[in-house]
């Protein structure tokens, strides 16, 4: 059995998303779903509801008065924002699980993912693209394939991390050298198993090569650019740059952004991350 077949077989063994998260994904796929549908789903899981309320009342949102119910949170933050929070809490559990590689820090990868999610949302807003919510979720999930590689290819993943941290080889290049494929392929497999919307499936696959996707290129480009901003900010796991400055500039221009926008967004990102402590702590094992 080849490595890709081994990964495929392990993905088949992975359980579905937690019931509540799975129901939220179903709501994402249903344009007729409503805020009341979401509230009913969250109320079935008290631990989840408590975590969501903690985030709603965190410095990240900065509301002057305390929000005490999920229903209030939906009214004040909006339906899409609460869906983001529910998925964030559920996805963070995957990062909390212990991996097989002792030198790979899953919490650091989560921190990088949160930074990419926040960055993608800021970029969408600056580019006046109606994709803020989709970009946030895609940014949060973009490196999910790395967790799968950590969980099922112990020896090979150890070599990959060594090449990245000691050999200074970008993660995706190290994966391709050792495995012959990379985490974007694995991320797409998992997204398909979990019945994620087509946008998320494709963005997970093409966030390193946004020009190769015609249907969801804008979201893929937002996540690509946010991924690079997170690298520059030095937040969490640093996977290295696999694209040159000319390509990054081209993607930036493709989104309708100006070179001078970068410093403004970068400063906004740093400020947002200071307020995102509760998001970062979601995957903490403390």
Protein backbone atom coordinates (compact mmCIF):
# COMPACT_ATOMS: atom_id res chain seq x y z
CA UNK A 1 0.00 0.00 0.00
CA UNK A 2 1.40 3.39 -1.03
CA UNK A 3 1.47 6.39 1.29
CA UNK A 4 -1.48 8.14 -0.36
CA UNK A 5 -3.55 4.94 -0.11
CA UNK A 6 -2.58 4.65 3.56
CA UNK A 7 -3.74 8.21 4.20
CA UNK A 8 -7.00 7.54 2.33
CA UNK A 9 -7.66 4.44 4.44
CA UNK A 10 -6.96 6.35 7.67
CA UNK A 11 -9.30 9.14 6.61
CA UNK A 12 -12.05 6.57 6.07
CA UNK A 13 -11.51 5.48 9.69
CA UNK A 14 -11.75 9.03 11.06
CA UNK A 15 -15.14 9.58 12.67
CA UNK A 16 -17.48 12.21 11.38
CA UNK A 17 -17.43 15.65 12.94
CA UNK A 18 -19.01 15.93 16.39
CA UNK A 19 -22.80 15.79 16.01
CA UNK A 20 -23.32 19.48 16.70
CA UNK A 21 -20.56 20.59 14.32
CA UNK A 22 -21.93 18.26 11.67
CA UNK A 23 -25.36 19.84 12.04
CA UNK A 24 -23.81 23.28 11.69
CA UNK A 25 -22.09 22.20 8.46
CA UNK A 26 -25.49 20.99 7.26
CA UNK A 27 -26.85 24.47 8.01
CA UNK A 28 -23.96 25.97 6.05
CA UNK A 29 -25.06 23.90 3.07
CA UNK A 30 -28.69 24.94 3.43
CA UNK A 31 -29.44 28.49 2.23
CA UNK A 32 -32.88 28.28 3.85
CA UNK A 33 -31.51 27.67 7.35
CA UNK A 34 -32.29 30.30 9.98
CA UNK A 35 -30.94 31.72 13.22
CA UNK A 36 -33.52 29.74 15.20
CA UNK A 37 -32.26 26.51 13.58
CA UNK A 38 -28.74 27.33 14.76
CA UNK A 39 -29.87 28.20 18.27
CA UNK A 40 -31.65 24.85 18.61
CA UNK A 41 -28.51 22.99 17.52
CA UNK A 42 -26.21 24.78 19.98
CA UNK A 43 -28.57 24.34 22.93
CA UNK A 44 -28.22 20.56 22.62
CA UNK A 45 -24.58 20.82 23.74
CA UNK A 46 -24.18 22.81 26.96
CA UNK A 47 -20.37 22.67 26.92
CA UNK A 48 -20.35 24.05 23.39
CA UNK A 49 -22.86 26.76 24.31
CA UNK A 50 -20.66 27.80 27.25
CA UNK A 51 -17.57 28.07 25.04
CA UNK A 52 -19.46 30.04 22.42
CA UNK A 53 -20.73 32.48 25.05
CA UNK A 54 -17.20 32.88 26.42
CA UNK A 55 -16.00 33.88 22.95
CA UNK A 56 -18.98 36.18 22.37
CA UNK A 57 -18.08 38.02 25.60
CA UNK A 58 -14.34 38.10 24.86
CA UNK A 59 -12.25 41.17 24.05
CA UNK A 60 -12.27 40.11 20.40
CA UNK A 61 -15.85 41.35 20.03
CA UNK A 62 -15.70 44.01 22.73
CA UNK A 63 -19.37 44.35 23.62
CA UNK A 64 -20.00 46.73 26.55
CA UNK A 65 -22.63 44.53 28.22
CA UNK A 66 -22.53 40.83 28.97
CA UNK A 67 -24.38 38.47 26.63
CA UNK A 68 -25.96 35.66 28.63
CA UNK A 69 -27.77 33.48 26.07
CA UNK A 70 -26.98 32.01 22.68
CA UNK A 71 -30.11 33.68 21.34
CA UNK A 72 -28.80 37.10 22.39
CA UNK A 73 -25.46 36.28 20.77
CA UNK A 74 -27.12 35.44 17.47
CA UNK A 75 -29.14 38.68 17.53
CA UNK A 76 -26.12 40.86 18.35
CA UNK A 77 -23.33 39.12 16.39
CA UNK A 78 -25.44 37.73 13.58
CA UNK A 79 -26.18 34.26 12.30
CA UNK A 80 -23.00 33.83 10.25
CA UNK A 81 -20.70 34.97 13.05
CA UNK A 82 -22.16 32.44 15.49
CA UNK A 83 -21.77 29.68 12.90
CA UNK A 84 -18.09 30.66 12.72
CA UNK A 85 -17.78 30.41 16.48
CA UNK A 86 -19.42 26.98 16.67
CA UNK A 87 -17.13 25.61 13.98
CA UNK A 88 -14.12 27.25 15.64
CA UNK A 89 -14.88 25.53 18.95
CA UNK A 90 -15.46 22.16 17.25
CA UNK A 91 -12.39 22.37 15.01
CA UNK A 92 -10.17 23.41 17.92
CA UNK A 93 -10.85 20.01 19.51
CA UNK A 94 -8.93 18.37 16.65
CA UNK A 95 -5.90 20.51 17.44
CA UNK A 96 -6.13 19.55 21.11
CA UNK A 97 -5.73 15.85 20.30
CA UNK A 98 -2.24 14.53 20.85
CA UNK A 99 -0.30 13.83 17.67
CA UNK A 100 2.46 11.30 17.04
CA UNK A 101 5.34 13.74 16.54
CA UNK A 102 6.94 15.12 19.68
CA UNK A 103 8.53 18.14 18.02
CA UNK A 104 5.38 19.25 16.18
CA UNK A 105 3.23 21.63 18.20
CA UNK A 106 -0.45 21.37 17.26
CA UNK A 107 -1.30 24.37 19.41
CA UNK A 108 1.13 26.46 17.36
CA UNK A 109 -0.59 25.28 14.17
CA UNK A 110 -3.94 26.35 15.64
CA UNK A 111 -2.52 29.79 16.44
CA UNK A 112 -1.32 30.09 12.83
CA UNK A 113 -4.75 28.99 11.60
CA UNK A 114 -6.57 31.59 13.72
CA UNK A 115 -4.22 34.29 12.43
CA UNK A 116 -4.85 33.20 8.83
CA UNK A 117 -8.61 33.19 9.47
CA UNK A 118 -8.59 36.70 10.92
CA UNK A 119 -6.29 37.89 8.13
CA UNK A 120 -8.50 36.41 5.41
CA UNK A 121 -11.52 38.19 6.86
CA UNK A 122 -9.66 41.52 7.00
CA UNK A 123 -8.48 41.10 3.41
CA UNK A 124 -12.00 40.33 2.18
CA UNK A 125 -13.27 43.46 3.91
CA UNK A 126 -10.51 45.64 2.44
CA UNK A 127 -11.09 44.20 -1.03
CA UNK A 128 -14.86 44.78 -0.60
CA UNK A 129 -15.55 41.14 -1.38
CA UNK A 130 -18.72 39.62 0.18
CA UNK A 131 -16.67 36.69 1.45
CA UNK A 132 -15.69 37.63 5.01
CA UNK A 133 -17.40 34.69 6.71
CA UNK A 134 -16.35 32.10 4.12
CA UNK A 135 -12.77 33.41 4.20
CA UNK A 136 -12.63 33.17 8.00
CA UNK A 137 -13.79 29.55 8.08
CA UNK A 138 -11.53 28.57 5.17
CA UNK A 139 -8.57 30.23 6.89
CA UNK A 140 -9.30 28.34 10.09
CA UNK A 141 -9.38 25.02 8.20
CA UNK A 142 -6.71 25.57 5.55
CA UNK A 143 -4.01 23.40 7.17
CA UNK A 144 -6.28 20.64 8.51
CA UNK A 145 -4.49 18.15 6.26
CA UNK A 146 -1.31 18.66 8.30
CA UNK A 147 -3.04 17.20 11.37
CA UNK A 148 -3.96 14.08 9.41
CA UNK A 149 -0.38 13.60 8.24
CA UNK A 150 0.78 13.97 11.85
CA UNK A 151 -1.72 11.34 12.92
CA UNK A 152 -1.06 8.61 10.37
CA UNK A 153 2.48 8.91 8.94
CA UNK A 154 4.72 9.04 12.00
CA UNK A 155 8.16 8.42 10.45
CA UNK A 156 7.54 10.39 7.29
CA UNK A 157 5.98 13.32 9.14
CA UNK A 158 8.95 13.48 11.49
CA UNK A 159 11.22 13.81 8.45
CA UNK A 160 8.94 16.52 6.99
CA UNK A 161 9.02 18.58 10.19
CA UNK A 162 12.78 18.15 10.43
CA UNK A 163 13.22 19.42 6.86
CA UNK A 164 10.96 22.39 7.65
CA UNK A 165 12.38 23.41 11.03
CA UNK A 166 16.02 22.45 10.56
CA UNK A 167 16.47 22.33 6.80
CA UNK A 168 14.52 25.55 6.20
CA UNK A 169 12.46 23.90 3.47
CA UNK A 170 8.87 25.19 3.13
CA UNK A 171 6.43 22.67 4.59
CA UNK A 172 4.65 21.98 1.31
CA UNK A 173 7.97 21.36 -0.46
CA UNK A 174 9.11 19.04 2.34
CA UNK A 175 5.84 17.10 2.08
CA UNK A 176 6.19 16.70 -1.66
CA UNK A 177 9.81 15.60 -1.33
CA UNK A 178 9.05 12.95 1.30
CA UNK A 179 5.53 11.87 0.30
CA UNK A 180 5.03 12.86 -3.32
CA UNK A 181 1.90 14.83 -2.33
CA UNK A 182 1.05 17.53 0.22
CA UNK A 183 -1.40 18.51 2.95
CA UNK A 184 -3.75 20.30 0.54
CA UNK A 185 -4.61 16.97 -1.12
CA UNK A 186 -5.24 15.42 2.31
CA UNK A 187 -7.28 18.40 3.47
CA UNK A 188 -9.56 18.05 0.46
CA UNK A 189 -10.09 14.33 1.20
CA UNK A 190 -11.12 15.11 4.77
CA UNK A 191 -13.39 17.99 3.72
CA UNK A 192 -15.17 15.70 1.28
CA UNK A 193 -15.62 13.02 3.95
CA UNK A 194 -17.13 15.60 6.28
CA UNK A 195 -19.47 16.91 3.56
CA UNK A 196 -18.10 20.44 3.68
CA UNK A 197 -19.52 22.91 1.13
CA UNK A 198 -17.74 22.84 -2.28
CA UNK A 199 -16.14 26.23 -1.56
CA UNK A 200 -14.31 24.87 1.50
CA UNK A 201 -13.34 21.64 -0.27
CA UNK A 202 -11.74 23.53 -3.14
CA UNK A 203 -10.08 26.24 -1.05
CA UNK A 204 -8.46 23.63 1.19
CA UNK A 205 -7.05 22.05 -1.97
CA UNK A 206 -5.88 25.23 -3.73
CA UNK A 207 -4.93 27.70 -1.00
CA UNK A 208 -1.28 27.44 -2.06
CA UNK A 209 -2.13 27.74 -5.77
CA UNK A 210 -5.21 29.98 -6.02
CA UNK A 211 -4.86 30.51 -9.78
CA UNK A 212 -5.54 26.81 -10.35
CA UNK A 213 -9.12 27.10 -9.10
CA UNK A 214 -11.65 28.92 -11.28
CA UNK A 215 -14.81 28.49 -9.23
CA UNK A 216 -13.61 29.80 -5.86
CA UNK A 217 -10.43 31.64 -6.81
CA UNK A 218 -11.22 34.74 -4.73
CA UNK A 219 -11.57 32.85 -1.43
CA UNK A 220 -8.50 30.73 -2.26
CA UNK A 221 -6.55 33.94 -2.98
CA UNK A 222 -7.71 35.52 0.29
CA UNK A 223 -6.53 32.48 2.28
CA UNK A 224 -3.25 32.34 0.33
CA UNK A 225 -2.52 36.00 1.11
CA UNK A 226 -3.63 35.66 4.74
CA UNK A 227 -1.45 32.56 5.13
CA UNK A 228 1.54 34.63 4.05
CA UNK A 229 0.59 37.53 6.34
CA UNK A 230 0.43 35.09 9.26
CA UNK A 231 3.94 33.91 8.35
CA UNK A 232 5.20 37.49 8.32
CA UNK A 233 3.52 38.16 11.66
CA UNK A 234 5.38 35.17 13.12
CA UNK A 235 2.27 33.75 14.79
CA UNK A 236 2.30 30.06 15.70
CA UNK A 237 3.72 27.35 13.45
CA UNK A 238 5.85 28.81 10.65
CA UNK A 239 5.61 26.63 7.54
CA UNK A 240 7.86 28.79 5.37
CA UNK A 241 7.25 30.55 2.07
CA UNK A 242 6.74 28.41 -1.01
CA UNK A 243 5.88 31.32 -3.33
CA UNK A 244 8.12 34.15 -4.46
CA UNK A 245 7.38 37.87 -3.95
CA UNK A 246 6.28 38.35 -7.58
CA UNK A 247 3.62 35.65 -7.28
CA UNK A 248 2.39 37.02 -3.94
CA UNK A 249 2.14 40.52 -5.45
CA UNK A 250 0.22 39.14 -8.41
CA UNK A 251 -2.34 37.49 -6.12
CA UNK A 252 -2.60 40.73 -4.14
CA UNK A 253 -3.33 42.70 -7.32
CA UNK A 254 -5.76 40.03 -8.49
CA UNK A 255 -7.82 40.74 -5.38
CA UNK A 256 -7.92 44.42 -6.29
CA UNK A 257 -5.63 45.41 -3.41
CA UNK A 258 -2.94 48.10 -3.65
CA UNK A 259 0.66 47.62 -2.40
CA UNK A 260 0.11 50.32 0.24
CA UNK A 261 -2.84 48.36 1.64
CA UNK A 262 -0.52 45.71 2.99
CA UNK A 263 0.93 47.69 5.89
CA UNK A 264 -2.53 48.90 6.93
CA UNK A 265 -3.92 45.34 6.96
CA UNK A 266 -0.80 44.00 8.69
CA UNK A 267 -1.21 46.48 11.54
CA UNK A 268 -4.93 45.65 11.79
CA UNK A 269 -4.05 41.96 11.95
CA UNK A 270 -1.62 42.49 14.82
CA UNK A 271 -4.27 44.43 16.74
CA UNK A 272 -6.94 41.80 16.07
CA UNK A 273 -4.63 39.02 17.26
CA UNK A 274 -4.03 40.83 20.55
CA UNK A 275 -7.78 40.66 21.14
CA UNK A 276 -8.08 37.05 19.97
CA UNK A 277 -6.54 35.46 23.09
CA UNK A 278 -9.67 33.43 23.84
CA UNK A 279 -9.68 32.05 20.30
CA UNK A 280 -6.03 31.07 20.63
CA UNK A 281 -6.73 29.33 23.95
CA UNK A 282 -9.40 27.08 22.43
CA UNK A 283 -6.79 24.50 21.44
CA UNK A 284 -4.71 24.83 24.58
CA UNK A 285 -4.16 21.58 26.49
CA UNK A 286 -3.69 23.40 29.77
